[in-house]
Amino acid sequence: MTGKLYLIPTPIGEGAFEDFFPAFNAEIINHIDTYIVEELRTARRFLRYAGINKRIDELQFFELNEHTQGVELNEYLQPCLDGQNVGLMSEAGVPCVADPGNIAVAKAHQLGIEVVPLIGPSSIILALMGSGMNGQNFTFHGYLPVDQFEREKRLRSIESVAIKTGQTQIFIETPYRNRRMADSICNVCQPATRVCIAAGLTTPNALLKTQSVSKWRKYFESEDHALDKRPCIFLISR
């Protein structure tokens, strides 16, 4: 009998642990000895915080990123084929969404291993829920181009789709480029276009605000540092 691959959500911000990690998840991790993780240090710290009843040094960890090869995935998932459960964790939030963990899940399906996603926080879904935008028809674009010209060209295209279809357009940015993204949105999008910015969700100082581009322009005149060094989700609609 094969083991299962459990997809284990991790925190997306600082807060009360019980608010985002159900007791069922805590019970699951106490029956797992092997973990596939994006970043070893973060994973070990999370498991200690979760109160795992095993010694961290007795656990087996495999690191996974976009460069991980198929032969490595076979090794990572071998414990499942041997009848043991394996846990998959991302750096933050739910595995496999804006996260390279999907390649391990795809391999698990190929090998006939049961995949079990656990409940936990997703900044993308939380932002969509709180945006007031269309939650029945939306597209997630991941990261937009770093180059300003290409980024603003893409923003115009995304805005055009939102206007024509009513589909919510969602994308993310790294904390140190948040303000540049916001500036590009304010520079190229139409004044009436609605934009939601969600920053630092699940933290005491979270920002979740939907308003027109024209209002965002005024907002950043007085709140110049509102997005500094915080994970951000951007949503565009009309």
C-alpha atoms as a PDB file:
ATOM      1  CA  MET A   1       0.000   0.000   0.000  1.00  0.00           C
ATOM      2  CA  THR A   2       1.417   3.376  -1.004  1.00  0.00           C
ATOM      3  CA  GLY A   3       1.638   6.364   1.283  1.00  0.00           C
ATOM      4  CA  LYS A   4       0.014   9.733   0.568  1.00  0.00           C
ATOM      5  CA  LEU A   5       1.439  13.081  -0.487  1.00  0.00           C
ATOM      6  CA  TYR A   6       0.019  15.747   1.831  1.00  0.00           C
ATOM      7  CA  LEU A   7       0.051  19.376   0.630  1.00  0.00           C
ATOM      8  CA  ILE A   8       0.625  21.397   3.805  1.00  0.00           C
ATOM      9  CA  PRO A   9      -0.104  25.166   3.868  1.00  0.00           C
ATOM     10  CA  THR A  10       2.271  27.438   5.773  1.00  0.00           C
ATOM     11  CA  PRO A  11       1.827  30.982   7.186  1.00  0.00           C
ATOM     12  CA  ILE A  12       1.600  33.997   4.879  1.00  0.00           C
ATOM     13  CA  GLY A  13       2.065  36.435   7.754  1.00  0.00           C
ATOM     14  CA  GLU A  14       2.578  36.681  11.483  1.00  0.00           C
ATOM     15  CA  GLY A  15      -0.475  35.951  13.594  1.00  0.00           C
ATOM     16  CA  ALA A  16      -2.062  33.495  16.011  1.00  0.00           C
ATOM     17  CA  PHE A  17      -1.020  30.035  14.854  1.00  0.00           C
ATOM     18  CA  GLU A  18      -4.400  28.436  15.486  1.00  0.00           C
ATOM     19  CA  ASP A  19      -6.026  30.986  13.172  1.00  0.00           C
ATOM     20  CA  PHE A  20      -4.480  29.470  10.064  1.00  0.00           C
ATOM     21  CA  PHE A  21      -3.341  25.947  11.003  1.00  0.00           C
ATOM     22  CA  PRO A  22      -6.263  23.606  11.840  1.00  0.00           C
ATOM     23  CA  ALA A  23      -5.822  20.930  14.485  1.00  0.00           C
ATOM     24  CA  PHE A  24      -6.276  18.277  11.789  1.00  0.00           C
ATOM     25  CA  ASN A  25      -3.171  19.583   9.982  1.00  0.00           C
ATOM     26  CA  ALA A  26      -1.182  19.476  13.213  1.00  0.00           C
ATOM     27  CA  GLU A  27      -2.176  15.842  13.659  1.00  0.00           C
ATOM     28  CA  ILE A  28      -1.112  14.994  10.101  1.00  0.00           C
ATOM     29  CA  ILE A  29       2.419  16.379  10.449  1.00  0.00           C
ATOM     30  CA  ASN A  30       3.002  14.126  13.446  1.00  0.00           C
ATOM     31  CA  HIS A  31       2.660  11.122  11.140  1.00  0.00           C
ATOM     32  CA  ILE A  32       5.113  12.347   8.492  1.00  0.00           C
ATOM     33  CA  ASP A  33       8.860  11.792   8.537  1.00  0.00           C
ATOM     34  CA  THR A  34       9.740  13.054   5.036  1.00  0.00           C
ATOM     35  CA  TYR A  35       9.137  16.534   3.648  1.00  0.00           C
ATOM     36  CA  ILE A  36       9.578  18.118   0.229  1.00  0.00           C
ATOM     37  CA  VAL A  37      10.160  21.824   0.828  1.00  0.00           C
ATOM     38  CA  GLU A  38      11.025  24.982  -1.059  1.00  0.00           C
ATOM     39  CA  GLU A  39      13.421  26.311   1.587  1.00  0.00           C
ATOM     40  CA  LEU A  40      14.867  24.089   4.287  1.00  0.00           C
ATOM     41  CA  ARG A  41      15.357  26.712   6.995  1.00  0.00           C
ATOM     42  CA  THR A  42      11.797  28.036   6.690  1.00  0.00           C
ATOM     43  CA  ALA A  43      10.351  24.521   6.750  1.00  0.00           C
ATOM     44  CA  ARG A  44      12.234  23.499   9.883  1.00  0.00           C
ATOM     45  CA  ARG A  45      11.200  26.702  11.660  1.00  0.00           C
ATOM     46  CA  PHE A  46       7.564  26.179  10.679  1.00  0.00           C
ATOM     47  CA  LEU A  47       7.483  22.613  11.978  1.00  0.00           C
ATOM     48  CA  ARG A  48       8.918  23.724  15.321  1.00  0.00           C
ATOM     49  CA  TYR A  49       6.296  26.478  15.510  1.00  0.00           C
ATOM     50  CA  ALA A  50       3.587  23.945  14.634  1.00  0.00           C
ATOM     51  CA  GLY A  51       4.593  21.897  17.677  1.00  0.00           C
ATOM     52  CA  ILE A  52       5.567  18.712  15.862  1.00  0.00           C
ATOM     53  CA  ASN A  53       6.186  15.927  18.377  1.00  0.00           C
ATOM     54  CA  LYS A  54       9.230  14.559  16.549  1.00  0.00           C
ATOM     55  CA  ARG A  55      12.818  15.749  16.673  1.00  0.00           C
ATOM     56  CA  ILE A  56      13.503  17.926  13.635  1.00  0.00           C
ATOM     57  CA  ASP A  57      16.908  16.308  13.144  1.00  0.00           C
ATOM     58  CA  GLU A  58      15.243  12.913  12.736  1.00  0.00           C
ATOM     59  CA  LEU A  59      13.165  14.100   9.765  1.00  0.00           C
ATOM     60  CA  GLN A  60      14.193  13.815   6.123  1.00  0.00           C
ATOM     61  CA  PHE A  61      14.005  16.909   3.911  1.00  0.00           C
ATOM     62  CA  PHE A  62      14.259  17.277   0.153  1.00  0.00           C
ATOM     63  CA  GLU A  63      14.533  20.760  -1.372  1.00  0.00           C
ATOM     64  CA  LEU A  64      12.463  21.487  -4.458  1.00  0.00           C
ATOM     65  CA  ASN A  65      12.560  24.435  -6.855  1.00  0.00           C
ATOM     66  CA  GLU A  66      11.994  25.189 -10.528  1.00  0.00           C
ATOM     67  CA  HIS A  67      15.314  23.496 -11.364  1.00  0.00           C
ATOM     68  CA  THR A  68      14.484  20.145  -9.732  1.00  0.00           C
ATOM     69  CA  GLN A  69      14.773  17.268 -12.201  1.00  0.00           C
ATOM     70  CA  GLY A  70      12.479  14.287 -12.723  1.00  0.00           C
ATOM     71  CA  VAL A  71      15.046  11.822 -11.409  1.00  0.00           C
ATOM     72  CA  GLU A  72      15.186  13.794  -8.154  1.00  0.00           C
ATOM     73  CA  LEU A  73      11.407  13.754  -7.858  1.00  0.00           C
ATOM     74  CA  ASN A  74      11.446   9.969  -8.113  1.00  0.00           C
ATOM     75  CA  GLU A  75      13.796   9.902  -5.133  1.00  0.00           C
ATOM     76  CA  TYR A  76      11.710  12.431  -3.192  1.00  0.00           C
ATOM     77  CA  LEU A  77       8.526  10.392  -3.651  1.00  0.00           C
ATOM     78  CA  GLN A  78      10.056   6.956  -3.114  1.00  0.00           C
ATOM     79  CA  PRO A  79       8.969   6.927   0.564  1.00  0.00           C
ATOM     80  CA  CYS A  80       5.327   7.091  -0.643  1.00  0.00           C
ATOM     81  CA  LEU A  81       5.917   4.040  -2.834  1.00  0.00           C
ATOM     82  CA  ASP A  82       7.415   2.355   0.237  1.00  0.00           C
ATOM     83  CA  GLY A  83       4.190   2.982   2.173  1.00  0.00           C
ATOM     84  CA  GLN A  84       5.127   6.185   4.048  1.00  0.00           C
ATOM     85  CA  ASN A  85       3.378   9.560   3.960  1.00  0.00           C
ATOM     86  CA  VAL A  86       5.262  12.582   2.603  1.00  0.00           C
ATOM     87  CA  GLY A  87       4.529  16.271   3.211  1.00  0.00           C
ATOM     88  CA  LEU A  88       4.932  19.020   0.603  1.00  0.00           C
ATOM     89  CA  MET A  89       5.313  22.620   1.813  1.00  0.00           C
ATOM     90  CA  SER A  90       5.834  25.917   0.017  1.00  0.00           C
ATOM     91  CA  GLU A  91       7.741  28.910   1.327  1.00  0.00           C
ATOM     92  CA  ALA A  92       4.461  30.614   2.274  1.00  0.00           C
ATOM     93  CA  GLY A  93       0.786  29.852   1.736  1.00  0.00           C
ATOM     94  CA  VAL A  94      -0.647  26.863  -0.076  1.00  0.00           C
ATOM     95  CA  PRO A  95       1.645  24.571  -2.072  1.00  0.00           C
ATOM     96  CA  CYS A  96       1.574  24.599  -5.881  1.00  0.00           C
ATOM     97  CA  VAL A  97      -0.078  28.010  -6.319  1.00  0.00           C
ATOM     98  CA  ALA A  98       2.561  30.529  -7.434  1.00  0.00           C
ATOM     99  CA  ASP A  99       4.938  27.842  -6.182  1.00  0.00           C
ATOM    100  CA  PRO A 100       7.059  25.141  -7.871  1.00  0.00           C
ATOM    101  CA  GLY A 101       5.487  22.313  -5.853  1.00  0.00           C
ATOM    102  CA  ASN A 102       3.177  21.430  -8.738  1.00  0.00           C
ATOM    103  CA  ILE A 103       5.954  19.425 -10.412  1.00  0.00           C
ATOM    104  CA  ALA A 104       6.075  17.092  -7.395  1.00  0.00           C
ATOM    105  CA  VAL A 105       2.293  16.725  -7.446  1.00  0.00           C
ATOM    106  CA  ALA A 106       2.312  15.983 -11.187  1.00  0.00           C
ATOM    107  CA  LYS A 107       4.925  13.276 -10.624  1.00  0.00           C
ATOM    108  CA  ALA A 108       2.879  11.833  -7.741  1.00  0.00           C
ATOM    109  CA  HIS A 109      -0.128  11.453 -10.052  1.00  0.00           C
ATOM    110  CA  GLN A 110       2.061   9.726 -12.626  1.00  0.00           C
ATOM    111  CA  LEU A 111       3.240   7.275  -9.970  1.00  0.00           C
ATOM    112  CA  GLY A 112      -0.275   6.558  -8.694  1.00  0.00           C
ATOM    113  CA  ILE A 113       0.287   8.273  -5.347  1.00  0.00           C
ATOM    114  CA  GLU A 114      -2.774   9.771  -3.658  1.00  0.00           C
ATOM    115  CA  VAL A 115      -2.514  13.549  -3.264  1.00  0.00           C
ATOM    116  CA  VAL A 116      -4.242  15.177  -0.270  1.00  0.00           C
ATOM    117  CA  PRO A 117      -4.449  19.019  -0.192  1.00  0.00           C
ATOM    118  CA  LEU A 118      -4.978  20.412   3.312  1.00  0.00           C
ATOM    119  CA  ILE A 119      -6.882  23.555   4.276  1.00  0.00           C
ATOM    120  CA  GLY A 120      -4.854  26.711   4.826  1.00  0.00           C
ATOM    121  CA  PRO A 121      -4.276  30.351   3.851  1.00  0.00           C
ATOM    122  CA  SER A 122      -3.848  31.453   0.229  1.00  0.00           C
ATOM    123  CA  SER A 123      -3.080  35.156  -0.181  1.00  0.00           C
ATOM    124  CA  ILE A 124      -4.388  35.038  -3.755  1.00  0.00           C
ATOM    125  CA  ILE A 125      -7.794  33.626  -2.800  1.00  0.00           C
ATOM    126  CA  LEU A 126      -8.056  35.813   0.309  1.00  0.00           C
ATOM    127  CA  ALA A 127      -7.363  38.896  -1.812  1.00  0.00           C
ATOM    128  CA  LEU A 128      -9.975  37.873  -4.383  1.00  0.00           C
ATOM    129  CA  MET A 129     -12.514  37.197  -1.634  1.00  0.00           C
ATOM    130  CA  GLY A 130     -11.981  40.636  -0.126  1.00  0.00           C
ATOM    131  CA  SER A 131     -11.720  42.620  -3.352  1.00  0.00           C
ATOM    132  CA  GLY A 132     -15.378  42.827  -4.290  1.00  0.00           C
ATOM    133  CA  MET A 133     -14.410  41.807  -7.817  1.00  0.00           C
ATOM    134  CA  ASN A 134     -15.680  38.972 -10.008  1.00  0.00           C
ATOM    135  CA  GLY A 135     -14.907  35.720  -8.198  1.00  0.00           C
ATOM    136  CA  GLN A 136     -16.554  33.499 -10.799  1.00  0.00           C
ATOM    137  CA  ASN A 137     -14.333  34.464 -13.712  1.00  0.00           C
ATOM    138  CA  PHE A 138     -10.730  35.415 -13.039  1.00  0.00           C
ATOM    139  CA  THR A 139      -7.193  34.863 -14.324  1.00  0.00           C
ATOM    140  CA  PHE A 140      -3.991  34.614 -12.305  1.00  0.00           C
ATOM    141  CA  HIS A 141      -0.940  35.851 -14.211  1.00  0.00           C
ATOM    142  CA  GLY A 142       1.781  35.225 -11.639  1.00  0.00           C
ATOM    143  CA  TYR A 143       4.572  37.797 -11.970  1.00  0.00           C
ATOM    144  CA  LEU A 144       4.540  40.473 -14.665  1.00  0.00           C
ATOM    145  CA  PRO A 145       7.739  41.503 -16.501  1.00  0.00           C
ATOM    146  CA  VAL A 146      10.427  43.301 -14.493  1.00  0.00           C
ATOM    147  CA  ASP A 147      11.322  45.695 -17.316  1.00  0.00           C
ATOM    148  CA  GLN A 148       9.184  48.830 -17.032  1.00  0.00           C
ATOM    149  CA  PHE A 149       8.300  49.054 -20.733  1.00  0.00           C
ATOM    150  CA  GLU A 150       7.287  45.380 -20.918  1.00  0.00           C
ATOM    151  CA  ARG A 151       5.476  45.561 -17.582  1.00  0.00           C
ATOM    152  CA  GLU A 152       3.378  48.537 -18.655  1.00  0.00           C
ATOM    153  CA  LYS A 153       2.673  46.957 -22.036  1.00  0.00           C
ATOM    154  CA  ARG A 154       1.386  43.868 -20.207  1.00  0.00           C
ATOM    155  CA  LEU A 155      -0.699  45.993 -17.843  1.00  0.00           C
ATOM    156  CA  ARG A 156      -2.449  47.658 -20.780  1.00  0.00           C
ATOM    157  CA  SER A 157      -3.235  44.234 -22.204  1.00  0.00           C
ATOM    158  CA  ILE A 158      -4.530  42.944 -18.877  1.00  0.00           C
ATOM    159  CA  GLU A 159      -6.687  46.024 -18.375  1.00  0.00           C
ATOM    160  CA  SER A 160      -8.125  45.628 -21.872  1.00  0.00           C
ATOM    161  CA  VAL A 161      -9.208  42.052 -21.096  1.00  0.00           C
ATOM    162  CA  ALA A 162     -10.786  43.168 -17.809  1.00  0.00           C
ATOM    163  CA  ILE A 163     -12.773  45.898 -19.584  1.00  0.00           C
ATOM    164  CA  LYS A 164     -13.932  43.670 -22.442  1.00  0.00           C
ATOM    165  CA  THR A 165     -14.824  40.546 -20.450  1.00  0.00           C
ATOM    166  CA  GLY A 166     -15.453  41.594 -16.847  1.00  0.00           C
ATOM    167  CA  GLN A 167     -12.880  38.987 -15.828  1.00  0.00           C
ATOM    168  CA  THR A 168     -10.822  39.807 -12.743  1.00  0.00           C
ATOM    169  CA  GLN A 169      -7.092  39.959 -13.485  1.00  0.00           C
ATOM    170  CA  ILE A 170      -4.764  38.917 -10.638  1.00  0.00           C
ATOM    171  CA  PHE A 171      -0.977  39.155 -10.394  1.00  0.00           C
ATOM    172  CA  ILE A 172       1.725  39.351  -7.740  1.00  0.00           C
ATOM    173  CA  GLU A 173       5.003  41.145  -7.180  1.00  0.00           C
ATOM    174  CA  THR A 174       8.027  40.763  -4.945  1.00  0.00           C
ATOM    175  CA  PRO A 175       8.003  43.102  -1.920  1.00  0.00           C
ATOM    176  CA  TYR A 176      10.919  45.255  -3.103  1.00  0.00           C
ATOM    177  CA  ARG A 177       9.190  45.980  -6.457  1.00  0.00           C
ATOM    178  CA  ASN A 178       5.679  46.639  -5.112  1.00  0.00           C
ATOM    179  CA  ARG A 179       5.857  50.397  -5.409  1.00  0.00           C
ATOM    180  CA  ARG A 180       7.182  50.260  -8.960  1.00  0.00           C
ATOM    181  CA  MET A 181       4.239  48.062  -9.885  1.00  0.00           C
ATOM    182  CA  ALA A 182       1.791  50.447  -8.234  1.00  0.00           C
ATOM    183  CA  ASP A 183       3.391  53.382 -10.065  1.00  0.00           C
ATOM    184  CA  SER A 184       3.069  51.565 -13.391  1.00  0.00           C
ATOM    185  CA  ILE A 185      -0.615  50.847 -12.723  1.00  0.00           C
ATOM    186  CA  CYS A 186      -1.220  54.500 -11.904  1.00  0.00           C
ATOM    187  CA  ASN A 187       0.724  55.594 -15.004  1.00  0.00           C
ATOM    188  CA  VAL A 188      -0.930  53.452 -17.688  1.00  0.00           C
ATOM    189  CA  CYS A 189      -4.358  52.282 -16.489  1.00  0.00           C
ATOM    190  CA  GLN A 190      -7.515  54.277 -17.107  1.00  0.00           C
ATOM    191  CA  PRO A 191      -8.688  56.483 -14.203  1.00  0.00           C
ATOM    192  CA  ALA A 192     -11.971  54.556 -13.791  1.00  0.00           C
ATOM    193  CA  THR A 193     -10.375  51.097 -13.719  1.00  0.00           C
ATOM    194  CA  ARG A 194     -10.800  49.423 -10.332  1.00  0.00           C
ATOM    195  CA  VAL A 195      -7.679  48.138  -8.623  1.00  0.00           C
ATOM    196  CA  CYS A 196      -7.459  46.119  -5.437  1.00  0.00           C
ATOM    197  CA  ILE A 197      -4.173  45.999  -3.562  1.00  0.00           C
ATOM    198  CA  ALA A 198      -3.823  43.422  -0.806  1.00  0.00           C
ATOM    199  CA  ALA A 199      -0.636  43.618   1.265  1.00  0.00           C
ATOM    200  CA  GLY A 200       0.440  41.703   4.338  1.00  0.00           C
ATOM    201  CA  LEU A 201      -2.781  39.702   4.593  1.00  0.00           C
ATOM    202  CA  THR A 202      -3.375  37.889   7.923  1.00  0.00           C
ATOM    203  CA  THR A 203      -1.069  40.376   9.705  1.00  0.00           C
ATOM    204  CA  PRO A 204      -2.254  43.094  12.117  1.00  0.00           C
ATOM    205  CA  ASN A 205      -1.296  45.824   9.631  1.00  0.00           C
ATOM    206  CA  ALA A 206      -2.836  44.277   6.524  1.00  0.00           C
ATOM    207  CA  LEU A 207      -3.934  46.490   3.654  1.00  0.00           C
ATOM    208  CA  LEU A 208      -6.948  45.402   1.586  1.00  0.00           C
ATOM    209  CA  LYS A 209      -8.411  48.218  -0.485  1.00  0.00           C
ATOM    210  CA  THR A 210     -10.294  48.429  -3.782  1.00  0.00           C
ATOM    211  CA  GLN A 211     -10.680  51.785  -5.502  1.00  0.00           C
ATOM    212  CA  SER A 212     -10.270  53.482  -8.855  1.00  0.00           C
ATOM    213  CA  VAL A 213      -6.878  54.230 -10.371  1.00  0.00           C
ATOM    214  CA  SER A 214      -7.559  57.948  -9.923  1.00  0.00           C
ATOM    215  CA  LYS A 215      -8.043  57.414  -6.177  1.00  0.00           C
ATOM    216  CA  TRP A 216      -4.915  55.259  -5.930  1.00  0.00           C
ATOM    217  CA  ARG A 217      -2.923  58.130  -7.446  1.00  0.00           C
ATOM    218  CA  LYS A 218      -4.082  60.411  -4.646  1.00  0.00           C
ATOM    219  CA  TYR A 219      -3.579  57.675  -2.048  1.00  0.00           C
ATOM    220  CA  PHE A 220       0.102  57.264  -2.853  1.00  0.00           C
ATOM    221  CA  GLU A 221       0.695  61.003  -2.631  1.00  0.00           C
ATOM    222  CA  SER A 222       0.131  60.754   1.135  1.00  0.00           C
ATOM    223  CA  GLU A 223       0.903  57.054   1.763  1.00  0.00           C
ATOM    224  CA  ASP A 224       4.217  56.831  -0.022  1.00  0.00           C
ATOM    225  CA  HIS A 225       5.551  53.859   1.971  1.00  0.00           C
ATOM    226  CA  ALA A 226       2.326  51.843   2.307  1.00  0.00           C
ATOM    227  CA  LEU A 227       3.617  48.901   0.252  1.00  0.00           C
ATOM    228  CA  ASP A 228       7.231  48.784   1.376  1.00  0.00           C
ATOM    229  CA  LYS A 229       8.639  45.291   1.954  1.00  0.00           C
ATOM    230  CA  ARG A 230       5.257  43.542   2.161  1.00  0.00           C
ATOM    231  CA  PRO A 231       3.982  40.664   0.012  1.00  0.00           C
ATOM    232  CA  CYS A 232       1.379  42.103  -2.367  1.00  0.00           C
ATOM    233  CA  ILE A 233      -1.451  40.875  -4.562  1.00  0.00           C
ATOM    234  CA  PHE A 234      -2.814  43.159  -7.292  1.00  0.00           C
ATOM    235  CA  LEU A 235      -6.264  42.747  -8.854  1.00  0.00           C
ATOM    236  CA  ILE A 236      -7.724  44.705 -11.781  1.00  0.00           C
ATOM    237  CA  SER A 237     -11.365  44.869 -12.813  1.00  0.00           C
ATOM    238  CA  ARG A 238     -13.888  47.257 -14.329  1.00  0.00           C
END
